[in-house]
Amino acid sequence: MSVPEGWSEVDGALQRDFAFADFASALAFVNRVGELAEAENHHPDVSFGWGRVTLRWWTHSAGGITDRDRDLAARSAALA
């Protein structure tokens, strides 16, 4: 299966780093992704700090990347 544009496969997950102008912008993005994740009941691993966010999508029960992860990776990137 293909990896969504802008994403990389890292240790069995789809991973992408996002850059923002400041902490508030990074936090706002994390909150938008959080709303998507809650609505879909599927949650990425999130790491963020001043001006940066890293998302990792994978399905624990499947032990790797699924089509759902690919879809949510693309949808979350559109929120940046």
C-alpha atoms as a PDB file:
ATOM      1  CA  MET A   1       0.000   0.000   0.000  1.00  0.00           C
ATOM      2  CA  SER A   2       1.119   3.542  -0.612  1.00  0.00           C
ATOM      3  CA  VAL A   3       2.125   6.107   1.969  1.00  0.00           C
ATOM      4  CA  PRO A   4       0.151   9.385   1.837  1.00  0.00           C
ATOM      5  CA  GLU A   5       2.018  12.323   0.337  1.00  0.00           C
ATOM      6  CA  GLY A   6       4.286  14.025   2.856  1.00  0.00           C
ATOM      7  CA  TRP A   7       4.281  11.074   5.246  1.00  0.00           C
ATOM      8  CA  SER A   8       6.955   8.454   5.955  1.00  0.00           C
ATOM      9  CA  GLU A   9       6.720   4.941   7.288  1.00  0.00           C
ATOM     10  CA  VAL A  10       8.778   4.858  10.484  1.00  0.00           C
ATOM     11  CA  ASP A  11       8.857   1.816  12.762  1.00  0.00           C
ATOM     12  CA  GLY A  12       5.498   0.534  11.531  1.00  0.00           C
ATOM     13  CA  ALA A  13       3.638   3.856  11.698  1.00  0.00           C
ATOM     14  CA  LEU A  14       2.876   6.742   9.376  1.00  0.00           C
ATOM     15  CA  GLN A  15       4.870   9.686  10.673  1.00  0.00           C
ATOM     16  CA  ARG A  16       5.035  13.339   9.698  1.00  0.00           C
ATOM     17  CA  ASP A  17       6.564  16.468  11.208  1.00  0.00           C
ATOM     18  CA  PHE A  18       4.746  19.782  10.917  1.00  0.00           C
ATOM     19  CA  ALA A  19       6.256  23.242  11.469  1.00  0.00           C
ATOM     20  CA  PHE A  20       4.352  26.249  12.798  1.00  0.00           C
ATOM     21  CA  ALA A  21       5.145  29.884  13.546  1.00  0.00           C
ATOM     22  CA  ASP A  22       4.775  29.528  17.307  1.00  0.00           C
ATOM     23  CA  PHE A  23       3.546  27.417  20.210  1.00  0.00           C
ATOM     24  CA  ALA A  24      -0.060  28.623  19.956  1.00  0.00           C
ATOM     25  CA  SER A  25      -0.293  27.614  16.287  1.00  0.00           C
ATOM     26  CA  ALA A  26       1.153  24.173  17.015  1.00  0.00           C
ATOM     27  CA  LEU A  27      -1.286  23.691  19.899  1.00  0.00           C
ATOM     28  CA  ALA A  28      -4.246  24.779  17.753  1.00  0.00           C
ATOM     29  CA  PHE A  29      -3.284  22.159  15.158  1.00  0.00           C
ATOM     30  CA  VAL A  30      -2.997  19.476  17.835  1.00  0.00           C
ATOM     31  CA  ASN A  31      -6.480  20.410  19.056  1.00  0.00           C
ATOM     32  CA  ARG A  32      -7.924  20.155  15.530  1.00  0.00           C
ATOM     33  CA  VAL A  33      -6.323  16.728  15.099  1.00  0.00           C
ATOM     34  CA  GLY A  34      -7.669  15.760  18.517  1.00  0.00           C
ATOM     35  CA  GLU A  35     -11.206  16.660  17.464  1.00  0.00           C
ATOM     36  CA  LEU A  36     -10.832  14.532  14.314  1.00  0.00           C
ATOM     37  CA  ALA A  37      -9.384  11.646  16.318  1.00  0.00           C
ATOM     38  CA  GLU A  38     -12.215  11.764  18.859  1.00  0.00           C
ATOM     39  CA  ALA A  39     -14.867  11.907  16.120  1.00  0.00           C
ATOM     40  CA  GLU A  40     -13.307   8.856  14.440  1.00  0.00           C
ATOM     41  CA  ASN A  41     -12.454   7.045  17.702  1.00  0.00           C
ATOM     42  CA  HIS A  42      -8.922   6.485  16.412  1.00  0.00           C
ATOM     43  CA  HIS A  43      -6.024   8.368  17.933  1.00  0.00           C
ATOM     44  CA  PRO A  44      -2.487   9.161  16.760  1.00  0.00           C
ATOM     45  CA  ASP A  45       0.587   9.464  18.906  1.00  0.00           C
ATOM     46  CA  VAL A  46       1.288  13.183  19.183  1.00  0.00           C
ATOM     47  CA  SER A  47       4.455  15.006  20.156  1.00  0.00           C
ATOM     48  CA  PHE A  48       4.619  18.782  20.094  1.00  0.00           C
ATOM     49  CA  GLY A  49       6.454  21.808  21.380  1.00  0.00           C
ATOM     50  CA  TRP A  50       7.226  25.345  20.311  1.00  0.00           C
ATOM     51  CA  GLY A  51       6.443  25.537  16.586  1.00  0.00           C
ATOM     52  CA  ARG A  52       6.522  21.795  15.914  1.00  0.00           C
ATOM     53  CA  VAL A  53       4.202  18.789  15.904  1.00  0.00           C
ATOM     54  CA  THR A  54       4.923  15.150  15.093  1.00  0.00           C
ATOM     55  CA  LEU A  55       2.005  12.811  14.353  1.00  0.00           C
ATOM     56  CA  ARG A  56       2.221   9.009  14.183  1.00  0.00           C
ATOM     57  CA  TRP A  57      -0.758   7.028  12.918  1.00  0.00           C
ATOM     58  CA  TRP A  58      -0.937   3.248  13.314  1.00  0.00           C
ATOM     59  CA  THR A  59      -3.408   0.670  14.553  1.00  0.00           C
ATOM     60  CA  HIS A  60      -2.377  -1.098  17.733  1.00  0.00           C
ATOM     61  CA  SER A  61      -4.746  -4.044  17.254  1.00  0.00           C
ATOM     62  CA  ALA A  62      -3.474  -4.619  13.696  1.00  0.00           C
ATOM     63  CA  GLY A  63       0.151  -4.199  14.705  1.00  0.00           C
ATOM     64  CA  GLY A  64       0.804  -1.682  11.959  1.00  0.00           C
ATOM     65  CA  ILE A  65      -0.603   0.658   9.356  1.00  0.00           C
ATOM     66  CA  THR A  66      -4.131   0.177   8.025  1.00  0.00           C
ATOM     67  CA  ASP A  67      -6.215   1.950   5.388  1.00  0.00           C
ATOM     68  CA  ARG A  68      -7.886   3.845   8.228  1.00  0.00           C
ATOM     69  CA  ASP A  69      -4.489   5.203   9.291  1.00  0.00           C
ATOM     70  CA  ARG A  70      -3.762   6.314   5.728  1.00  0.00           C
ATOM     71  CA  ASP A  71      -7.119   8.085   5.533  1.00  0.00           C
ATOM     72  CA  LEU A  72      -6.724   9.833   8.873  1.00  0.00           C
ATOM     73  CA  ALA A  73      -3.129  10.816   8.100  1.00  0.00           C
ATOM     74  CA  ALA A  74      -4.286  12.558   4.926  1.00  0.00           C
ATOM     75  CA  ARG A  75      -7.234  14.167   6.698  1.00  0.00           C
ATOM     76  CA  SER A  76      -5.116  15.389   9.606  1.00  0.00           C
ATOM     77  CA  ALA A  77      -2.503  16.878   7.241  1.00  0.00           C
ATOM     78  CA  ALA A  78      -5.293  18.885   5.610  1.00  0.00           C
ATOM     79  CA  LEU A  79      -5.909  20.527   9.004  1.00  0.00           C
ATOM     80  CA  ALA A  80      -2.410  22.073   9.110  1.00  0.00           C
END
